[in-house]
Amino acid sequence: MTYTETCNYLFNQIPMFEKQGASGYKEGLENTLKLDEHFGHPHRNYLTIHVAGTNGKGSCAHTISAILQQCGYRVGLYTSPHLVDFSERIRINGQPIDENYVVDFVAEEKSFFEPLKPSFFEVTTAMAFKYFSDMAVDIAVIEVGLGGRLDCTNIITPILSIITNISYDHMQLLGNSLEQIAMEKAGIMKKGVPVIIGETTPETRMVFEAVAQETGAPIVFAEDEQEVVGSEMANNGIHYHTKHYGNIQGELQGLYQEKNANTILTAVRKLEELGYMYRFSDNSTSEAKGKEIADGFRSVCEITGLKGRWQTVSENPTVVCDTGHNVGGWEYISRQLSMVKCNKMHIVFGLVEDKDMDGIIALLPKDAIYYFTKAANKRAVSENVLRILAAKQGLTGNSYPSVIEACKSARNAAAADDFVFIGGSSYVVAEFLKNSI
């Protein structure tokens, strides 16, 4: 098979949560452990950092990866979902996995894994762990796919665990309360492995403290550390004032990035304490350390290939996309949209079915022009259903059967001093980026 044929096989022949929802999700680690044994436990051949959470885990994983690269490590990065190409999920020092490796892995190993009837994510995780071992990375930053306790990445014993935050998402799988969701994500805690908690509520903090005590995981709450003491929005990102690292320019522009930055710097501080940050760096002076961390923040997209986080795609009119896809994410996106100065705002908007649709729609700007659409995904909500739900909350716009049609209509209607936002779902952003690159 060619690379394209191999990717189509992975997307279409193996159960995939991102396309099918709950029917594509396999709970438990049985298949993962069999795959791991088959490949000789490759994740034991390098250090790992494990990142879970409802929102922000992708930004945190990429930024930590960028900082570690600047410190001289050879860094593997495993994230999901991809936006443009499958290879984005598995990177080493920012470079996507080699297409030939993907083809060879599937061709050589499908006779073993097909009888297991694994999920897409189980196969992809096994591929990532083996690739990082074969390519001799020093350390890999591993993003949890869904939840934590039963996620197939949870076979690793990392040097550091990170849980960014907890909000309502994937409730049909993780639970209907913040406490239940927190318990699932707290399942990545391991005995003796420090864990950084980015943000809490009274309900989730109690869960994290209890699980940390039970498992013997040293716990640090980033919100108590306050590594970010202030910030200002700038044209090229966010300017952070920090407790230990001076002033840092962050490339990522979403308002939610200040919380992420505080989590990241708390994690960096812990890695320093553990003696991991500068193992391979020739520059270990205080000034050099600050530069390496600042460089990671300032150039995370270039270093790691991160896309879709309040990403400005073009100007005149300004076109921005963001992958925020639940109420927790939209609380920040809504605030940021309210700060945009423009003549008219145009919003291309789509959702998938397992979200709090009414909750998200309630956060959308009332005075924007809407282009309701759906991604080419079985989980996508009909554009007409979205338009009807939005109309009940006073929003007006038209329906478009495809993301590309909606984006073209928005751009054609927008004047040079207008603002176009594209989002609501990672899959809406993905289809837009695939056709705008």
Protein backbone atom coordinates (compact mmCIF):
# COMPACT_ATOMS: atom_id res chain seq x y z
CA MET A 1 0.00 0.00 0.00
CA THR A 2 1.01 3.59 -0.53
CA TYR A 3 1.09 6.05 2.38
CA THR A 4 -2.34 7.41 1.39
CA GLU A 5 -3.77 3.90 1.13
CA THR A 6 -2.25 3.00 4.50
CA CYS A 7 -3.80 6.04 6.17
CA ASN A 8 -7.17 5.24 4.60
CA TYR A 9 -6.86 1.70 5.97
CA LEU A 10 -6.17 3.06 9.45
CA PHE A 11 -9.02 5.58 9.24
CA ASN A 12 -11.63 3.30 7.71
CA GLN A 13 -10.86 -0.30 8.62
CA ILE A 14 -10.08 0.12 12.33
CA PRO A 15 -12.63 1.46 14.85
CA MET A 16 -11.92 5.17 15.31
CA PHE A 17 -13.44 7.27 18.11
CA GLU A 18 -12.86 10.50 16.22
CA LYS A 19 -15.12 9.33 13.39
CA GLN A 20 -17.51 6.97 15.13
CA GLY A 21 -17.79 8.22 18.70
CA ALA A 22 -18.29 5.72 21.52
CA SER A 23 -18.44 2.73 19.14
CA GLY A 24 -14.87 3.50 18.07
CA TYR A 25 -13.56 3.70 21.66
CA LYS A 26 -12.17 0.59 23.33
CA GLU A 27 -12.09 0.78 27.10
CA GLY A 28 -9.29 -1.00 28.93
CA LEU A 29 -5.65 -1.83 28.35
CA GLU A 30 -5.82 -5.49 27.26
CA ASN A 31 -4.99 -4.84 23.60
CA THR A 32 -2.43 -2.19 24.49
CA LEU A 33 -0.57 -4.57 26.80
CA LYS A 34 -0.52 -7.28 24.12
CA LEU A 35 0.80 -4.84 21.53
CA ASP A 36 3.35 -3.51 24.01
CA GLU A 37 4.62 -7.02 24.78
CA HIS A 38 4.77 -7.88 21.08
CA PHE A 39 7.03 -4.90 20.39
CA GLY A 40 9.26 -5.48 23.41
CA HIS A 41 7.98 -2.66 25.66
CA PRO A 42 9.53 0.13 23.56
CA HIS A 43 8.37 2.96 25.85
CA ARG A 44 10.85 1.73 28.48
CA ASN A 45 13.76 2.79 26.27
CA TYR A 46 13.33 6.54 26.82
CA LEU A 47 12.03 9.01 29.39
CA THR A 48 8.42 10.14 29.15
CA ILE A 49 6.17 12.98 30.30
CA HIS A 50 2.43 12.27 30.42
CA VAL A 51 -0.10 15.06 29.75
CA ALA A 52 -3.85 14.73 30.44
CA GLY A 53 -6.70 17.20 30.89
CA THR A 54 -9.89 18.43 29.25
CA ASN A 55 -8.44 21.50 27.54
CA GLY A 56 -4.93 22.80 26.92
CA LYS A 57 -3.09 19.48 26.90
CA GLY A 58 -2.05 19.89 23.25
CA SER A 59 -0.66 23.40 23.78
CA CYS A 60 1.13 22.27 26.96
CA ALA A 61 2.56 19.15 25.33
CA HIS A 62 3.86 21.07 22.31
CA THR A 63 5.37 23.89 24.37
CA ILE A 64 7.11 21.53 26.80
CA SER A 65 8.41 19.60 23.79
CA ALA A 66 9.72 22.84 22.25
CA ILE A 67 11.49 23.81 25.50
CA LEU A 68 13.09 20.38 25.86
CA GLN A 69 14.33 20.57 22.27
CA GLN A 70 15.93 23.93 23.03
CA CYS A 71 17.59 22.28 26.04
CA GLY A 72 19.31 19.78 23.75
CA TYR A 73 17.05 16.73 23.99
CA ARG A 74 15.93 14.60 21.08
CA VAL A 75 12.20 14.80 21.77
CA GLY A 76 9.34 12.57 20.67
CA LEU A 77 5.87 14.13 20.70
CA TYR A 78 2.64 12.13 20.50
CA THR A 79 -0.62 14.09 20.22
CA SER A 80 -4.12 13.80 18.76
CA PRO A 81 -6.10 14.47 16.70
CA HIS A 82 -4.19 15.56 13.61
CA LEU A 83 -5.46 18.52 11.61
CA VAL A 84 -3.95 18.15 8.14
CA ASP A 85 -2.13 14.81 7.97
CA PHE A 86 -1.90 11.66 10.09
CA SER A 87 1.87 12.11 10.48
CA GLU A 88 1.33 15.18 12.70
CA ARG A 89 0.42 12.85 15.57
CA ILE A 90 3.92 11.39 15.90
CA ARG A 91 6.89 13.78 15.73
CA ILE A 92 10.56 13.84 16.64
CA ASN A 93 12.06 17.30 17.13
CA GLY A 94 9.09 18.70 15.27
CA GLN A 95 9.44 16.47 12.23
CA PRO A 96 6.43 14.25 11.44
CA ILE A 97 6.88 10.49 11.36
CA ASP A 98 8.38 9.23 8.11
CA GLU A 99 5.67 8.09 5.71
CA ASN A 100 7.61 4.95 4.83
CA TYR A 101 7.71 3.98 8.50
CA VAL A 102 3.91 4.20 8.69
CA VAL A 103 3.54 2.06 5.55
CA ASP A 104 6.05 -0.54 6.71
CA PHE A 105 4.63 -0.73 10.24
CA VAL A 106 1.13 -1.51 9.02
CA ALA A 107 2.29 -3.91 6.29
CA GLU A 108 4.54 -5.86 8.64
CA GLU A 109 2.38 -5.85 11.75
CA LYS A 110 -1.27 -5.98 10.69
CA SER A 111 -1.24 -9.79 10.65
CA PHE A 112 -0.53 -9.54 14.38
CA PHE A 113 -2.83 -6.72 15.38
CA GLU A 114 -5.86 -7.40 13.15
CA PRO A 115 -6.98 -10.51 15.15
CA LEU A 116 -6.97 -8.34 18.28
CA LYS A 117 -9.55 -6.02 16.66
CA PRO A 118 -7.81 -2.99 18.13
CA SER A 119 -9.00 0.60 17.98
CA PHE A 120 -7.31 3.18 15.77
CA PHE A 121 -5.77 4.80 18.82
CA GLU A 122 -4.40 1.52 20.16
CA VAL A 123 -2.59 0.84 16.88
CA THR A 124 -1.38 4.42 16.56
CA THR A 125 -0.06 4.48 20.13
CA ALA A 126 1.86 1.24 19.58
CA MET A 127 3.31 2.73 16.39
CA ALA A 128 4.35 5.92 18.19
CA PHE A 129 6.02 4.12 21.10
CA LYS A 130 7.95 1.83 18.74
CA TYR A 131 8.95 4.71 16.44
CA PHE A 132 10.35 6.72 19.33
CA SER A 133 12.40 3.70 20.43
CA ASP A 134 13.62 2.88 16.92
CA MET A 135 14.64 6.50 16.39
CA ALA A 136 16.38 6.67 19.79
CA VAL A 137 14.66 9.69 21.34
CA ASP A 138 15.89 10.90 24.72
CA ILE A 139 12.43 11.79 25.98
CA ALA A 140 8.85 11.69 24.67
CA VAL A 141 5.96 13.95 25.61
CA ILE A 142 2.84 11.79 25.48
CA GLU A 143 -0.63 13.33 25.31
CA VAL A 144 -3.50 11.25 26.68
CA GLY A 145 -6.08 10.45 24.01
CA LEU A 146 -9.24 10.39 26.13
CA GLY A 147 -9.63 10.32 29.90
CA GLY A 148 -6.57 8.84 31.52
CA ARG A 149 -7.14 5.79 33.69
CA LEU A 150 -8.04 3.47 30.81
CA ASP A 151 -6.35 5.38 28.02
CA CYS A 152 -3.89 3.22 26.12
CA THR A 153 -1.05 5.68 26.76
CA ASN A 154 -1.36 4.85 30.46
CA ILE A 155 1.11 1.97 30.34
CA ILE A 156 4.04 4.37 30.67
CA THR A 157 5.78 5.30 33.91
CA PRO A 158 6.76 8.91 33.25
CA ILE A 159 9.18 11.18 35.04
CA LEU A 160 6.37 13.73 35.36
CA SER A 161 2.58 13.68 34.98
CA ILE A 162 0.54 16.77 34.09
CA ILE A 163 -3.23 17.28 34.30
CA THR A 164 -4.13 20.66 32.81
CA ASN A 165 -7.74 21.12 33.95
CA ILE A 166 -11.15 19.48 34.17
CA SER A 167 -14.36 20.56 32.47
CA TYR A 168 -17.35 18.83 30.93
CA ASP A 169 -16.49 16.81 27.81
CA HIS A 170 -17.00 13.20 26.65
CA MET A 171 -19.43 12.70 29.54
CA GLN A 172 -20.88 9.53 27.99
CA LEU A 173 -17.49 7.89 28.55
CA LEU A 174 -15.93 9.74 31.49
CA GLY A 175 -18.85 10.55 33.76
CA ASN A 176 -21.50 13.23 34.28
CA SER A 177 -19.84 15.17 37.11
CA LEU A 178 -16.56 17.04 37.42
CA GLU A 179 -15.58 14.65 40.21
CA GLN A 180 -16.09 11.61 37.98
CA ILE A 181 -14.17 13.16 35.09
CA ALA A 182 -11.36 14.19 37.45
CA MET A 183 -11.18 10.65 38.81
CA GLU A 184 -10.69 9.25 35.30
CA LYS A 185 -7.95 11.73 34.47
CA ALA A 186 -6.31 11.26 37.87
CA GLY A 187 -5.82 7.66 36.80
CA ILE A 188 -2.51 8.64 35.19
CA MET A 189 -0.98 9.30 38.61
CA LYS A 190 1.75 6.81 39.51
CA LYS A 191 3.54 5.98 42.75
CA GLY A 192 6.50 8.28 43.27
CA VAL A 193 5.92 10.23 40.02
CA PRO A 194 5.32 13.96 40.62
CA VAL A 195 2.09 15.33 39.15
CA ILE A 196 1.37 18.93 38.18
CA ILE A 197 -2.28 20.02 38.30
CA GLY A 198 -2.93 23.12 36.20
CA GLU A 199 -6.36 24.31 37.32
CA THR A 200 -8.91 23.00 39.83
CA THR A 201 -12.36 23.58 41.21
CA PRO A 202 -13.25 22.72 44.81
CA GLU A 203 -14.74 19.42 43.57
CA THR A 204 -11.76 18.37 41.45
CA ARG A 205 -9.07 19.48 43.90
CA MET A 206 -10.43 17.09 46.52
CA VAL A 207 -10.29 14.24 43.99
CA PHE A 208 -6.71 14.99 42.98
CA GLU A 209 -5.53 15.28 46.57
CA ALA A 210 -7.18 11.98 47.50
CA VAL A 211 -5.78 10.06 44.51
CA ALA A 212 -2.32 11.55 45.00
CA GLN A 213 -2.31 10.45 48.64
CA GLU A 214 -3.59 6.99 47.73
CA THR A 215 -1.03 6.43 44.96
CA GLY A 216 1.90 8.15 46.62
CA ALA A 217 2.31 10.72 43.83
CA PRO A 218 3.86 14.03 44.96
CA ILE A 219 1.37 16.70 43.87
CA VAL A 220 1.87 20.35 42.92
CA PHE A 221 -0.99 22.72 42.09
CA ALA A 222 0.18 25.24 39.49
CA GLU A 223 -2.46 27.76 40.55
CA ASP A 224 -0.80 27.85 43.99
CA GLU A 225 2.67 28.40 42.51
CA GLN A 226 1.70 31.36 40.30
CA GLU A 227 4.72 31.14 38.02
CA VAL A 228 2.95 33.65 35.72
CA VAL A 229 2.45 36.84 37.71
CA GLY A 230 1.04 38.97 34.88
CA SER A 231 0.49 39.14 31.14
CA GLU A 232 -0.46 41.43 28.28
CA MET A 233 -1.81 40.64 24.84
CA ALA A 234 0.50 41.71 22.02
CA ASN A 235 0.27 41.64 18.23
CA ASN A 236 2.61 38.65 18.06
CA GLY A 237 1.35 36.68 21.05
CA ILE A 238 1.18 37.17 24.81
CA HIS A 239 3.84 38.89 26.93
CA TYR A 240 4.27 37.03 30.24
CA HIS A 241 5.83 38.31 33.44
CA THR A 242 7.06 35.28 35.37
CA LYS A 243 8.26 34.56 38.88
CA HIS A 244 11.46 32.71 37.99
CA TYR A 245 12.11 33.21 34.26
CA GLY A 246 11.81 36.93 33.66
CA ASN A 247 9.73 38.26 30.79
CA ILE A 248 8.70 35.73 28.15
CA GLN A 249 7.02 36.29 24.80
CA GLY A 250 4.53 33.50 24.04
CA GLU A 251 3.74 32.84 20.39
CA LEU A 252 0.30 31.32 21.07
CA GLN A 253 -2.35 34.03 21.18
CA GLY A 254 -5.44 32.51 22.80
CA LEU A 255 -6.56 34.05 26.09
CA TYR A 256 -6.58 30.53 27.57
CA GLN A 257 -2.82 30.34 27.03
CA GLU A 258 -2.06 32.27 30.23
CA LYS A 259 -3.42 29.36 32.27
CA ASN A 260 -1.47 26.94 30.08
CA ALA A 261 1.71 29.01 30.50
CA ASN A 262 1.41 28.84 34.28
CA THR A 263 1.01 25.06 34.10
CA ILE A 264 3.96 24.71 31.69
CA LEU A 265 6.32 26.84 33.80
CA THR A 266 5.33 24.94 36.95
CA ALA A 267 6.18 21.72 35.11
CA VAL A 268 9.50 23.17 33.89
CA ARG A 269 10.33 24.19 37.45
CA LYS A 270 9.66 20.64 38.64
CA LEU A 271 11.79 19.17 35.82
CA GLU A 272 14.63 21.44 36.94
CA GLU A 273 14.26 20.20 40.51
CA LEU A 274 14.37 16.61 39.26
CA GLY A 275 17.55 17.31 37.31
CA TYR A 276 16.16 16.64 33.83
CA MET A 277 15.94 20.02 32.13
CA TYR A 278 19.51 20.59 30.96
CA ARG A 279 21.03 17.12 30.86
CA PHE A 280 22.13 17.44 27.24
CA SER A 281 22.66 21.19 27.12
CA ASP A 282 26.07 22.87 27.06
CA ASN A 283 24.49 26.05 28.37
CA SER A 284 23.51 25.59 32.00
CA THR A 285 23.94 29.14 33.32
CA SER A 286 20.89 30.94 34.67
CA GLU A 287 20.85 33.29 31.67
CA ALA A 288 21.04 30.43 29.19
CA LYS A 289 18.26 28.53 30.95
CA GLY A 290 15.97 31.53 30.67
CA LYS A 291 16.78 31.83 26.98
CA GLU A 292 16.00 28.19 26.26
CA ILE A 293 12.62 28.42 27.94
CA ALA A 294 11.84 31.75 26.27
CA ASP A 295 12.81 30.34 22.87
CA GLY A 296 10.43 27.43 23.35
CA PHE A 297 7.54 29.76 24.15
CA ARG A 298 8.37 32.24 21.38
CA SER A 299 8.71 29.68 18.55
CA VAL A 300 6.56 26.71 19.59
CA CYS A 301 4.70 26.53 16.27
CA GLU A 302 7.88 26.58 14.21
CA ILE A 303 9.67 24.13 16.51
CA THR A 304 6.86 21.58 16.88
CA GLY A 305 4.41 22.21 14.03
CA LEU A 306 1.51 23.17 16.31
CA LYS A 307 -1.56 24.50 14.46
CA GLY A 308 -5.08 25.67 15.19
CA ARG A 309 -4.63 27.57 18.47
CA TRP A 310 -6.04 31.05 17.76
CA GLN A 311 -4.11 30.81 14.52
CA THR A 312 -4.19 33.84 12.22
CA VAL A 313 -4.32 32.43 8.70
CA SER A 314 -4.62 35.63 6.64
CA GLU A 315 -5.22 39.38 6.83
CA ASN A 316 -7.59 41.83 5.12
CA PRO A 317 -9.90 40.40 6.30
CA THR A 318 -8.33 38.83 9.35
CA VAL A 319 -9.10 35.10 9.39
CA VAL A 320 -8.52 33.18 12.63
CA CYS A 321 -9.20 29.53 13.48
CA ASP A 322 -9.23 27.77 16.84
CA THR A 323 -9.83 24.16 17.82
CA GLY A 324 -11.68 24.93 21.07
CA HIS A 325 -14.64 22.54 21.07
CA ASN A 326 -16.33 22.46 24.49
CA VAL A 327 -17.80 24.87 27.02
CA GLY A 328 -14.51 25.17 28.91
CA GLY A 329 -12.68 26.21 25.75
CA TRP A 330 -15.43 28.51 24.52
CA GLU A 331 -15.54 30.48 27.74
CA TYR A 332 -12.12 31.82 26.74
CA ILE A 333 -12.79 32.05 22.98
CA SER A 334 -15.99 34.00 23.64
CA ARG A 335 -14.11 36.52 25.77
CA GLN A 336 -11.43 36.90 23.13
CA LEU A 337 -13.97 37.37 20.33
CA SER A 338 -15.59 40.15 22.38
CA MET A 339 -12.23 41.96 22.39
CA VAL A 340 -11.81 41.87 18.59
CA LYS A 341 -12.12 45.28 16.94
CA CYS A 342 -13.64 44.99 13.49
CA ASN A 343 -16.42 46.26 11.25
CA LYS A 344 -18.39 42.98 11.10
CA MET A 345 -17.67 39.55 12.53
CA HIS A 346 -18.30 36.40 10.49
CA ILE A 347 -18.25 33.03 12.27
CA VAL A 348 -18.01 29.66 10.50
CA PHE A 349 -19.28 27.22 13.09
CA GLY A 350 -19.77 23.46 13.43
CA LEU A 351 -19.98 20.95 16.29
CA VAL A 352 -19.87 17.23 16.89
CA GLU A 353 -22.68 15.43 18.63
CA ASP A 354 -21.22 14.62 22.06
CA LYS A 355 -20.86 18.27 23.11
CA ASP A 356 -23.02 20.56 25.24
CA MET A 357 -24.45 22.31 22.18
CA ASP A 358 -26.76 24.69 24.03
CA GLY A 359 -23.99 25.58 26.46
CA ILE A 360 -21.53 26.41 23.69
CA ILE A 361 -24.09 28.30 21.58
CA ALA A 362 -24.97 30.44 24.62
CA LEU A 363 -21.37 31.68 24.60
CA LEU A 364 -21.35 32.76 20.94
CA PRO A 365 -21.39 36.50 20.09
CA LYS A 366 -24.93 37.74 19.44
CA ASP A 367 -24.01 40.32 16.79
CA ALA A 368 -21.98 38.10 14.42
CA ILE A 369 -23.06 36.71 11.05
CA TYR A 370 -23.08 32.90 11.19
CA TYR A 371 -22.21 30.24 8.63
CA PHE A 372 -23.41 26.98 10.16
CA THR A 373 -21.75 23.90 8.72
CA LYS A 374 -20.64 20.35 9.41
CA ALA A 375 -17.37 18.51 8.93
CA ALA A 376 -17.21 15.31 6.90
CA ASN A 377 -17.51 13.22 10.05
CA LYS A 378 -20.22 10.82 11.24
CA ARG A 379 -20.26 12.62 14.59
CA ALA A 380 -20.87 16.05 13.03
CA VAL A 381 -24.14 17.78 13.91
CA SER A 382 -26.30 18.78 10.94
CA GLU A 383 -25.79 22.38 9.90
CA ASN A 384 -29.57 22.85 9.87
CA VAL A 385 -29.91 21.56 13.43
CA LEU A 386 -27.23 24.03 14.53
CA ARG A 387 -28.99 26.90 12.77
CA ILE A 388 -32.29 26.06 14.51
CA LEU A 389 -30.64 25.74 17.94
CA ALA A 390 -28.76 29.00 17.40
CA ALA A 391 -31.91 30.82 16.28
CA LYS A 392 -33.51 29.96 19.63
CA GLN A 393 -30.69 31.94 21.25
CA GLY A 394 -30.97 34.91 18.92
CA LEU A 395 -28.21 34.06 16.45
CA THR A 396 -28.74 34.48 12.72
CA GLY A 397 -27.05 32.93 9.72
CA ASN A 398 -27.31 30.42 6.90
CA SER A 399 -26.51 26.70 6.61
CA TYR A 400 -23.79 25.22 4.41
CA PRO A 401 -23.37 21.50 3.71
CA SER A 402 -19.57 21.61 3.79
CA VAL A 403 -16.88 23.49 5.66
CA ILE A 404 -15.27 24.68 2.44
CA GLU A 405 -18.53 26.20 1.16
CA ALA A 406 -19.09 27.93 4.49
CA CYS A 407 -15.54 29.32 4.58
CA LYS A 408 -15.74 30.55 0.98
CA SER A 409 -19.04 32.29 1.66
CA ALA A 410 -17.69 33.95 4.79
CA ARG A 411 -14.55 35.16 3.06
CA ASN A 412 -16.47 36.41 0.03
CA ALA A 413 -18.89 38.32 2.24
CA ALA A 414 -16.21 39.83 4.48
CA ALA A 415 -14.78 43.29 3.82
CA ALA A 416 -11.11 44.06 4.43
CA ASP A 417 -11.86 45.45 7.91
CA ASP A 418 -14.06 42.50 8.92
CA PHE A 419 -13.06 39.52 11.04
CA VAL A 420 -13.65 35.86 10.15
CA PHE A 421 -13.51 33.15 12.83
CA ILE A 422 -13.57 29.43 12.01
CA GLY A 423 -14.14 26.87 14.75
CA GLY A 424 -16.48 24.97 17.06
CA SER A 425 -14.82 21.64 16.27
CA SER A 426 -11.30 20.40 15.61
CA TYR A 427 -12.69 18.76 12.47
CA VAL A 428 -14.04 22.05 11.11
CA VAL A 429 -10.61 23.61 11.63
CA ALA A 430 -8.91 20.58 10.12
CA GLU A 431 -10.94 20.73 6.90
CA PHE A 432 -10.35 24.47 6.64
CA LEU A 433 -6.58 24.14 7.11
CA LYS A 434 -6.31 21.25 4.66
CA ASN A 435 -7.82 23.42 1.97
CA SER A 436 -6.07 26.68 2.84
CA ILE A 437 -2.47 25.40 2.94
